[in-house]
Amino acid sequence: MSRLPRRATRVVFDMDGVLLDTERLYTVATQQIVGRFGKVYDWSLKSHMIGRPALDSARFLVSSLDLPISPEAYLAERGALFESLMPTADAMPGARELVEALAARGVPMAVATSSARPLFHLKTRRHGDWFARFAVVVTGDDPRIARGKPAPDIYLLAARELGVDPADCVAVEDAPAGVAAAHAAGMQVVAVPDPELQGRERVARAELVVPSLAELAPADLGL
């Protein structure tokens, strides 16, 4: 496997679809809602929504499917479904092992997720032990974040909280919006796209593209 063009000293992870297998749960919840109106939620829509702030994604969904509900009503209904769905999220293949390997080398790490803090806690309920390895967790509802991904704000804040220049960080992302956000912040990017992602060329600008974190080692990051 190729390595990053320059050595990183910090690693910043997106969460959904990178650390935790939550994307399928988003699909289950959303299809349950849109199915009531005879609509189908598939990757032609999802590829434009993943990684973005919840309200932005909701507006896109409601507009694209011409749903007879508001984005806010969709989010409220989805949130109720998440209460039972999200605590069941499993770790993505290789995610826990990579985090533990980086922690063993003393590499400072952060999570930069568009999820709000309460949803972050819901998703990580079963994973508190290895999520404790992260020195920094930045969530999408942080008042210091003016714009969501693909704007760089969340990654700039994560680097600031880690106490380094963004150029010293590598971001690990699965979504086109996240790859764009990390690059806009000045970070190198490792992309781990979902195999169903349409328009995979939208993550091809990442410095490394890997099929799974199970195939990524600290040495590939120069660590």
C-alpha atoms as a PDB file:
ATOM      1  CA  MET A   1       0.000   0.000   0.000  1.00  0.00           C
ATOM      2  CA  SER A   2       1.106   3.554  -0.711  1.00  0.00           C
ATOM      3  CA  ARG A   3       1.835   5.909   2.137  1.00  0.00           C
ATOM      4  CA  LEU A   4       0.912   9.519   2.702  1.00  0.00           C
ATOM      5  CA  PRO A   5       3.052  12.051   0.822  1.00  0.00           C
ATOM      6  CA  ARG A   6       4.083  13.640   4.123  1.00  0.00           C
ATOM      7  CA  ARG A   7       4.188  12.350   7.675  1.00  0.00           C
ATOM      8  CA  ALA A   8       1.247  13.127   9.916  1.00  0.00           C
ATOM      9  CA  THR A   9       1.483  13.531  13.687  1.00  0.00           C
ATOM     10  CA  ARG A  10      -2.242  13.559  14.519  1.00  0.00           C
ATOM     11  CA  VAL A  11      -5.214  11.600  13.169  1.00  0.00           C
ATOM     12  CA  VAL A  12      -8.754  12.980  12.952  1.00  0.00           C
ATOM     13  CA  PHE A  13     -11.540  10.477  12.295  1.00  0.00           C
ATOM     14  CA  ASP A  14     -15.009  11.002  10.964  1.00  0.00           C
ATOM     15  CA  MET A  15     -17.356   8.652  12.833  1.00  0.00           C
ATOM     16  CA  ASP A  16     -20.296   7.456  10.744  1.00  0.00           C
ATOM     17  CA  GLY A  17     -19.210   4.856   8.224  1.00  0.00           C
ATOM     18  CA  VAL A  18     -15.591   5.177   9.374  1.00  0.00           C
ATOM     19  CA  LEU A  19     -15.487   4.166  13.044  1.00  0.00           C
ATOM     20  CA  LEU A  20     -19.042   2.930  13.484  1.00  0.00           C
ATOM     21  CA  ASP A  21     -21.344   1.060  11.111  1.00  0.00           C
ATOM     22  CA  THR A  22     -24.185   3.543  11.414  1.00  0.00           C
ATOM     23  CA  GLU A  23     -24.820   4.321   7.762  1.00  0.00           C
ATOM     24  CA  ARG A  24     -26.998   1.230   7.312  1.00  0.00           C
ATOM     25  CA  LEU A  25     -29.025   2.359  10.330  1.00  0.00           C
ATOM     26  CA  TYR A  26     -29.550   5.772   8.733  1.00  0.00           C
ATOM     27  CA  THR A  27     -30.821   3.950   5.650  1.00  0.00           C
ATOM     28  CA  VAL A  28     -33.212   1.768   7.672  1.00  0.00           C
ATOM     29  CA  ALA A  29     -34.680   4.764   9.503  1.00  0.00           C
ATOM     30  CA  THR A  30     -34.971   6.962   6.426  1.00  0.00           C
ATOM     31  CA  GLN A  31     -36.538   4.266   4.274  1.00  0.00           C
ATOM     32  CA  GLN A  32     -39.095   3.590   6.985  1.00  0.00           C
ATOM     33  CA  ILE A  33     -40.106   7.254   6.853  1.00  0.00           C
ATOM     34  CA  VAL A  34     -40.085   7.843   3.093  1.00  0.00           C
ATOM     35  CA  GLY A  35     -41.685   4.453   2.434  1.00  0.00           C
ATOM     36  CA  ARG A  36     -44.901   5.777   3.972  1.00  0.00           C
ATOM     37  CA  PHE A  37     -45.120   8.082   0.963  1.00  0.00           C
ATOM     38  CA  GLY A  38     -44.261   5.423  -1.616  1.00  0.00           C
ATOM     39  CA  LYS A  39     -40.678   6.683  -1.991  1.00  0.00           C
ATOM     40  CA  VAL A  40     -37.340   4.866  -2.091  1.00  0.00           C
ATOM     41  CA  TYR A  41     -34.165   6.034  -0.365  1.00  0.00           C
ATOM     42  CA  ASP A  42     -31.133   4.746  -2.249  1.00  0.00           C
ATOM     43  CA  TRP A  43     -27.516   5.647  -2.921  1.00  0.00           C
ATOM     44  CA  SER A  44     -28.419   8.088  -5.686  1.00  0.00           C
ATOM     45  CA  LEU A  45     -29.721  10.269  -2.841  1.00  0.00           C
ATOM     46  CA  LYS A  46     -27.542   9.098   0.003  1.00  0.00           C
ATOM     47  CA  SER A  47     -24.285   9.851  -1.840  1.00  0.00           C
ATOM     48  CA  HIS A  48     -25.225  13.556  -1.736  1.00  0.00           C
ATOM     49  CA  MET A  49     -26.225  13.481   1.927  1.00  0.00           C
ATOM     50  CA  ILE A  50     -23.623  11.539   3.893  1.00  0.00           C
ATOM     51  CA  GLY A  51     -21.235  13.606   5.933  1.00  0.00           C
ATOM     52  CA  ARG A  52     -23.315  16.767   5.775  1.00  0.00           C
ATOM     53  CA  PRO A  53     -25.129  18.475   8.659  1.00  0.00           C
ATOM     54  CA  ALA A  54     -28.471  16.864   9.458  1.00  0.00           C
ATOM     55  CA  LEU A  55     -30.664  19.790   8.420  1.00  0.00           C
ATOM     56  CA  ASP A  56     -28.819  20.247   5.115  1.00  0.00           C
ATOM     57  CA  SER A  57     -29.290  16.554   4.327  1.00  0.00           C
ATOM     58  CA  ALA A  58     -32.938  16.660   5.387  1.00  0.00           C
ATOM     59  CA  ARG A  59     -33.658  19.591   3.111  1.00  0.00           C
ATOM     60  CA  PHE A  60     -32.034  17.785   0.205  1.00  0.00           C
ATOM     61  CA  LEU A  61     -34.069  14.628   0.870  1.00  0.00           C
ATOM     62  CA  VAL A  62     -37.411  16.383   1.233  1.00  0.00           C
ATOM     63  CA  SER A  63     -36.813  18.415  -1.926  1.00  0.00           C
ATOM     64  CA  SER A  64     -35.472  15.510  -4.019  1.00  0.00           C
ATOM     65  CA  LEU A  65     -38.340  13.158  -3.123  1.00  0.00           C
ATOM     66  CA  ASP A  66     -40.977  15.899  -2.936  1.00  0.00           C
ATOM     67  CA  LEU A  67     -42.027  14.685   0.495  1.00  0.00           C
ATOM     68  CA  PRO A  68     -45.180  16.174   2.031  1.00  0.00           C
ATOM     69  CA  ILE A  69     -43.400  16.853   5.323  1.00  0.00           C
ATOM     70  CA  SER A  70     -40.937  19.501   6.430  1.00  0.00           C
ATOM     71  CA  PRO A  71     -37.233  18.748   6.907  1.00  0.00           C
ATOM     72  CA  GLU A  72     -37.717  19.407  10.601  1.00  0.00           C
ATOM     73  CA  ALA A  73     -40.585  16.894  10.814  1.00  0.00           C
ATOM     74  CA  TYR A  74     -38.478  14.289   9.034  1.00  0.00           C
ATOM     75  CA  LEU A  75     -35.623  14.833  11.492  1.00  0.00           C
ATOM     76  CA  ALA A  76     -37.962  14.566  14.481  1.00  0.00           C
ATOM     77  CA  GLU A  77     -39.389  11.267  13.249  1.00  0.00           C
ATOM     78  CA  ARG A  78     -35.941   9.961  12.400  1.00  0.00           C
ATOM     79  CA  GLY A  79     -34.640  10.969  15.822  1.00  0.00           C
ATOM     80  CA  ALA A  80     -37.313   8.874  17.518  1.00  0.00           C
ATOM     81  CA  LEU A  81     -36.269   5.845  15.458  1.00  0.00           C
ATOM     82  CA  PHE A  82     -32.612   6.464  16.308  1.00  0.00           C
ATOM     83  CA  GLU A  83     -33.292   5.960  20.022  1.00  0.00           C
ATOM     84  CA  SER A  84     -33.548   2.219  19.461  1.00  0.00           C
ATOM     85  CA  LEU A  85     -31.434   1.849  16.322  1.00  0.00           C
ATOM     86  CA  MET A  86     -28.213   3.728  17.044  1.00  0.00           C
ATOM     87  CA  PRO A  87     -27.153   1.972  20.263  1.00  0.00           C
ATOM     88  CA  THR A  88     -26.927  -1.236  18.177  1.00  0.00           C
ATOM     89  CA  ALA A  89     -24.153   0.181  15.958  1.00  0.00           C
ATOM     90  CA  ASP A  90     -21.129  -2.080  15.552  1.00  0.00           C
ATOM     91  CA  ALA A  91     -17.542  -0.997  14.977  1.00  0.00           C
ATOM     92  CA  MET A  92     -16.476  -0.834  11.343  1.00  0.00           C
ATOM     93  CA  PRO A  93     -13.993  -3.564  10.341  1.00  0.00           C
ATOM     94  CA  GLY A  94     -10.527  -2.683  11.613  1.00  0.00           C
ATOM     95  CA  ALA A  95     -11.628   0.552  13.292  1.00  0.00           C
ATOM     96  CA  ARG A  96     -11.099  -0.427  16.899  1.00  0.00           C
ATOM     97  CA  GLU A  97      -7.838  -2.188  16.083  1.00  0.00           C
ATOM     98  CA  LEU A  98      -6.428   0.854  14.257  1.00  0.00           C
ATOM     99  CA  VAL A  99      -7.434   3.215  17.073  1.00  0.00           C
ATOM    100  CA  GLU A 100      -5.833   0.923  19.653  1.00  0.00           C
ATOM    101  CA  ALA A 101      -2.655   0.600  17.559  1.00  0.00           C
ATOM    102  CA  LEU A 102      -2.353   4.379  17.207  1.00  0.00           C
ATOM    103  CA  ALA A 103      -3.030   4.865  20.914  1.00  0.00           C
ATOM    104  CA  ALA A 104      -0.283   2.350  21.732  1.00  0.00           C
ATOM    105  CA  ARG A 105       2.129   4.561  19.771  1.00  0.00           C
ATOM    106  CA  GLY A 106       1.015   7.636  21.670  1.00  0.00           C
ATOM    107  CA  VAL A 107      -0.564   9.281  18.610  1.00  0.00           C
ATOM    108  CA  PRO A 108      -3.110  11.964  19.618  1.00  0.00           C
ATOM    109  CA  MET A 109      -6.453  11.428  17.896  1.00  0.00           C
ATOM    110  CA  ALA A 110      -9.732  13.284  17.467  1.00  0.00           C
ATOM    111  CA  VAL A 111     -13.253  12.573  16.266  1.00  0.00           C
ATOM    112  CA  ALA A 112     -14.848  15.179  13.989  1.00  0.00           C
ATOM    113  CA  THR A 113     -18.468  14.204  13.383  1.00  0.00           C
ATOM    114  CA  SER A 114     -21.427  16.101  11.985  1.00  0.00           C
ATOM    115  CA  SER A 115     -23.604  14.319  14.550  1.00  0.00           C
ATOM    116  CA  ALA A 116     -24.866  16.380  17.470  1.00  0.00           C
ATOM    117  CA  ARG A 117     -23.444  15.561  20.907  1.00  0.00           C
ATOM    118  CA  PRO A 118     -26.524  13.637  22.184  1.00  0.00           C
ATOM    119  CA  LEU A 119     -26.511  11.471  19.031  1.00  0.00           C
ATOM    120  CA  PHE A 120     -22.763  10.895  19.413  1.00  0.00           C
ATOM    121  CA  HIS A 121     -23.374   9.503  22.897  1.00  0.00           C
ATOM    122  CA  LEU A 122     -26.229   7.337  21.616  1.00  0.00           C
ATOM    123  CA  LYS A 123     -24.062   5.817  18.895  1.00  0.00           C
ATOM    124  CA  THR A 124     -21.048   5.195  21.134  1.00  0.00           C
ATOM    125  CA  ARG A 125     -22.983   3.763  24.076  1.00  0.00           C
ATOM    126  CA  ARG A 126     -21.476   0.293  23.548  1.00  0.00           C
ATOM    127  CA  HIS A 127     -18.019   1.577  22.623  1.00  0.00           C
ATOM    128  CA  GLY A 128     -16.985   3.824  25.484  1.00  0.00           C
ATOM    129  CA  ASP A 129     -13.770   1.933  26.195  1.00  0.00           C
ATOM    130  CA  TRP A 130     -12.047   2.531  22.887  1.00  0.00           C
ATOM    131  CA  PHE A 131     -13.652   5.912  22.239  1.00  0.00           C
ATOM    132  CA  ALA A 132     -11.919   6.991  25.442  1.00  0.00           C
ATOM    133  CA  ARG A 133      -8.705   6.842  23.397  1.00  0.00           C
ATOM    134  CA  PHE A 134      -9.679  10.055  21.587  1.00  0.00           C
ATOM    135  CA  ALA A 135      -8.154  13.182  23.106  1.00  0.00           C
ATOM    136  CA  VAL A 136     -10.711  15.391  21.332  1.00  0.00           C
ATOM    137  CA  VAL A 137     -14.304  14.903  20.186  1.00  0.00           C
ATOM    138  CA  VAL A 138     -15.858  17.678  18.079  1.00  0.00           C
ATOM    139  CA  THR A 139     -19.542  17.333  17.223  1.00  0.00           C
ATOM    140  CA  GLY A 140     -21.599  19.150  14.648  1.00  0.00           C
ATOM    141  CA  ASP A 141     -23.595  21.130  17.193  1.00  0.00           C
ATOM    142  CA  ASP A 142     -20.507  22.804  18.657  1.00  0.00           C
ATOM    143  CA  PRO A 143     -21.309  26.554  18.680  1.00  0.00           C
ATOM    144  CA  ARG A 144     -17.810  27.307  17.411  1.00  0.00           C
ATOM    145  CA  ILE A 145     -18.655  25.659  14.084  1.00  0.00           C
ATOM    146  CA  ALA A 146     -20.294  28.175  11.780  1.00  0.00           C
ATOM    147  CA  ARG A 147     -20.589  25.907   8.730  1.00  0.00           C
ATOM    148  CA  GLY A 148     -20.897  22.153   8.359  1.00  0.00           C
ATOM    149  CA  LYS A 149     -19.002  19.888   5.989  1.00  0.00           C
ATOM    150  CA  PRO A 150     -17.929  20.390   3.174  1.00  0.00           C
ATOM    151  CA  ALA A 151     -16.750  23.641   4.802  1.00  0.00           C
ATOM    152  CA  PRO A 152     -13.515  23.134   6.758  1.00  0.00           C
ATOM    153  CA  ASP A 153     -14.761  24.505  10.101  1.00  0.00           C
ATOM    154  CA  ILE A 154     -15.041  21.233  12.023  1.00  0.00           C
ATOM    155  CA  TYR A 155     -11.581  20.080  10.943  1.00  0.00           C
ATOM    156  CA  LEU A 156      -9.998  23.424  11.724  1.00  0.00           C
ATOM    157  CA  LEU A 157     -11.510  23.249  15.202  1.00  0.00           C
ATOM    158  CA  ALA A 158     -10.324  19.655  15.708  1.00  0.00           C
ATOM    159  CA  ALA A 159      -6.754  20.643  14.801  1.00  0.00           C
ATOM    160  CA  ARG A 160      -6.930  23.633  17.126  1.00  0.00           C
ATOM    161  CA  GLU A 161      -8.151  21.416  19.961  1.00  0.00           C
ATOM    162  CA  LEU A 162      -5.294  18.997  19.255  1.00  0.00           C
ATOM    163  CA  GLY A 163      -2.895  21.941  19.431  1.00  0.00           C
ATOM    164  CA  VAL A 164      -1.383  21.552  15.963  1.00  0.00           C
ATOM    165  CA  ASP A 165      -1.494  23.027  12.496  1.00  0.00           C
ATOM    166  CA  PRO A 166      -4.041  21.251  10.254  1.00  0.00           C
ATOM    167  CA  ALA A 167      -1.181  20.351   7.901  1.00  0.00           C
ATOM    168  CA  ASP A 168       0.133  18.047  10.628  1.00  0.00           C
ATOM    169  CA  CYS A 169      -3.117  16.056  10.654  1.00  0.00           C
ATOM    170  CA  VAL A 170      -4.532  13.306   8.490  1.00  0.00           C
ATOM    171  CA  ALA A 171      -8.307  12.960   8.311  1.00  0.00           C
ATOM    172  CA  VAL A 172     -10.034   9.625   7.790  1.00  0.00           C
ATOM    173  CA  GLU A 173     -13.304  10.020   5.899  1.00  0.00           C
ATOM    174  CA  ASP A 174     -15.867   8.038   3.937  1.00  0.00           C
ATOM    175  CA  ALA A 175     -17.929  10.816   2.363  1.00  0.00           C
ATOM    176  CA  PRO A 176     -17.226  13.270  -0.460  1.00  0.00           C
ATOM    177  CA  ALA A 177     -18.315  16.192   1.745  1.00  0.00           C
ATOM    178  CA  GLY A 178     -15.893  15.088   4.445  1.00  0.00           C
ATOM    179  CA  VAL A 179     -12.983  14.668   2.053  1.00  0.00           C
ATOM    180  CA  ALA A 180     -13.645  18.173   0.712  1.00  0.00           C
ATOM    181  CA  ALA A 181     -13.875  19.596   4.246  1.00  0.00           C
ATOM    182  CA  ALA A 182     -10.593  18.076   5.387  1.00  0.00           C
ATOM    183  CA  HIS A 183      -8.759  19.197   2.249  1.00  0.00           C
ATOM    184  CA  ALA A 184     -10.175  22.700   2.637  1.00  0.00           C
ATOM    185  CA  ALA A 185      -8.720  22.716   6.151  1.00  0.00           C
ATOM    186  CA  GLY A 186      -5.290  21.810   4.780  1.00  0.00           C
ATOM    187  CA  MET A 187      -5.214  18.196   5.967  1.00  0.00           C
ATOM    188  CA  GLN A 188      -4.192  15.073   4.116  1.00  0.00           C
ATOM    189  CA  VAL A 189      -7.020  12.595   3.749  1.00  0.00           C
ATOM    190  CA  VAL A 190      -7.458   8.840   3.832  1.00  0.00           C
ATOM    191  CA  ALA A 191     -10.783   7.891   2.221  1.00  0.00           C
ATOM    192  CA  VAL A 192     -12.626   4.702   3.139  1.00  0.00           C
ATOM    193  CA  PRO A 193     -15.660   4.937   0.832  1.00  0.00           C
ATOM    194  CA  ASP A 194     -18.669   2.680   1.136  1.00  0.00           C
ATOM    195  CA  PRO A 195     -18.578   0.151  -1.734  1.00  0.00           C
ATOM    196  CA  GLU A 196     -22.083   1.302  -2.703  1.00  0.00           C
ATOM    197  CA  LEU A 197     -21.087   4.959  -2.963  1.00  0.00           C
ATOM    198  CA  GLN A 198     -22.014   6.398  -6.323  1.00  0.00           C
ATOM    199  CA  GLY A 199     -19.633   8.902  -7.837  1.00  0.00           C
ATOM    200  CA  ARG A 200     -16.583   7.378  -6.178  1.00  0.00           C
ATOM    201  CA  GLU A 201     -14.417   9.795  -8.166  1.00  0.00           C
ATOM    202  CA  ARG A 202     -15.584  12.387  -5.616  1.00  0.00           C
ATOM    203  CA  VAL A 203     -13.305  10.792  -3.013  1.00  0.00           C
ATOM    204  CA  ALA A 204     -10.500   9.963  -5.446  1.00  0.00           C
ATOM    205  CA  ARG A 205      -8.628  13.162  -4.569  1.00  0.00           C
ATOM    206  CA  ALA A 206      -7.802  11.753  -1.144  1.00  0.00           C
ATOM    207  CA  GLU A 207      -4.104  11.042  -0.673  1.00  0.00           C
ATOM    208  CA  LEU A 208      -4.955   7.412   0.117  1.00  0.00           C
ATOM    209  CA  VAL A 209      -8.085   5.422  -0.735  1.00  0.00           C
ATOM    210  CA  VAL A 210      -8.531   2.115   1.082  1.00  0.00           C
ATOM    211  CA  PRO A 211     -11.413  -0.377   1.047  1.00  0.00           C
ATOM    212  CA  SER A 212     -11.376  -0.875   4.819  1.00  0.00           C
ATOM    213  CA  LEU A 213      -9.595   0.307   7.946  1.00  0.00           C
ATOM    214  CA  ALA A 214      -8.628  -3.341   8.395  1.00  0.00           C
ATOM    215  CA  GLU A 215      -6.131  -2.714   5.583  1.00  0.00           C
ATOM    216  CA  LEU A 216      -4.694   0.469   7.093  1.00  0.00           C
ATOM    217  CA  ALA A 217      -1.777   0.390   9.534  1.00  0.00           C
ATOM    218  CA  PRO A 218      -0.045   3.185  11.467  1.00  0.00           C
ATOM    219  CA  ALA A 219       2.944   2.777   9.171  1.00  0.00           C
ATOM    220  CA  ASP A 220       0.777   3.753   6.180  1.00  0.00           C
ATOM    221  CA  LEU A 221       0.294   7.110   7.906  1.00  0.00           C
ATOM    222  CA  GLY A 222       3.999   7.441   8.632  1.00  0.00           C
ATOM    223  CA  LEU A 223       3.313   6.696  12.301  1.00  0.00           C
END
